[in-house]
């Protein structure tokens, strides 16, 4: 109902209360790799996948899978 009233008010050009836009918000998630550069992204993928103590081949495969998923 409220959405319908706001729609009608906007359609008629009536002034309605607006909240100011939010600025400067940064969202982060520990389960998502930071990708500022390739080295940071690679270390984040290894951390998130829990592959710190495995072979480089397994770490490389995990990085390849992440790159294929999100590119």
Protein backbone atom coordinates (compact mmCIF):
# COMPACT_ATOMS: atom_id res chain seq x y z
CA UNK A 1 0.00 0.00 0.00
CA UNK A 2 2.79 2.41 0.94
CA UNK A 3 4.60 1.68 -2.31
CA UNK A 4 1.44 2.47 -4.25
CA UNK A 5 1.07 5.81 -2.46
CA UNK A 6 4.68 6.73 -3.15
CA UNK A 7 4.23 5.78 -6.80
CA UNK A 8 1.13 8.00 -7.08
CA UNK A 9 2.92 10.87 -5.30
CA UNK A 10 5.87 10.56 -7.66
CA UNK A 11 3.61 10.36 -10.70
CA UNK A 12 1.76 13.51 -9.65
CA UNK A 13 4.95 15.35 -8.81
CA UNK A 14 4.03 15.75 -5.17
CA UNK A 15 6.91 16.32 -2.77
CA UNK A 16 7.65 13.32 -0.64
CA UNK A 17 10.20 12.73 2.08
CA UNK A 18 13.41 11.25 0.78
CA UNK A 19 16.28 9.95 2.75
CA UNK A 20 19.69 11.24 1.71
CA UNK A 21 21.92 8.92 -0.29
CA UNK A 22 24.42 6.92 1.70
CA UNK A 23 28.02 7.61 0.76
CA UNK A 24 31.35 6.08 1.72
CA UNK A 25 30.03 2.63 2.60
CA UNK A 26 32.46 -0.25 2.15
CA UNK A 27 31.16 -3.80 2.34
CA UNK A 28 33.54 -6.66 2.99
CA UNK A 29 33.23 -10.38 3.42
CA UNK A 30 35.90 -12.79 4.68
CA UNK A 31 34.56 -15.47 2.33
CA UNK A 32 35.28 -13.43 -0.80
CA UNK A 33 38.79 -12.73 -2.11
CA UNK A 34 40.15 -9.19 -2.24
CA UNK A 35 41.39 -8.63 -5.75
CA UNK A 36 43.50 -5.49 -5.62
CA UNK A 37 46.24 -7.36 -7.48
CA UNK A 38 46.93 -10.90 -8.64
CA UNK A 39 49.19 -11.79 -5.70
CA UNK A 40 46.61 -10.70 -3.14
CA UNK A 41 43.81 -12.48 -4.98
CA UNK A 42 45.84 -15.70 -5.15
CA UNK A 43 46.67 -15.66 -1.44
CA UNK A 44 43.02 -14.93 -0.60
CA UNK A 45 41.79 -17.85 -2.73
CA UNK A 46 44.26 -20.17 -1.00
CA UNK A 47 43.14 -18.88 2.44
CA UNK A 48 39.43 -19.19 1.70
CA UNK A 49 39.86 -22.66 0.21
CA UNK A 50 41.84 -23.78 3.27
CA UNK A 51 44.81 -24.88 1.16
CA UNK A 52 47.70 -23.26 3.04
CA UNK A 53 49.31 -26.62 3.91
CA UNK A 54 48.97 -28.47 0.58
CA UNK A 55 51.15 -28.73 -2.50
CA UNK A 56 51.61 -25.90 -4.96
CA UNK A 57 49.85 -28.00 -7.59
CA UNK A 58 46.70 -28.17 -5.45
CA UNK A 59 46.92 -24.43 -4.73
CA UNK A 60 47.34 -23.69 -8.42
CA UNK A 61 44.34 -25.84 -9.28
CA UNK A 62 42.19 -23.98 -6.73
CA UNK A 63 43.25 -20.62 -8.19
CA UNK A 64 42.48 -21.85 -11.70
CA UNK A 65 39.01 -23.01 -10.61
CA UNK A 66 38.25 -19.64 -8.97
CA UNK A 67 39.41 -17.76 -12.06
CA UNK A 68 37.25 -19.94 -14.29
CA UNK A 69 34.22 -19.46 -12.04
CA UNK A 70 34.42 -15.68 -11.91
CA UNK A 71 35.74 -14.64 -15.30
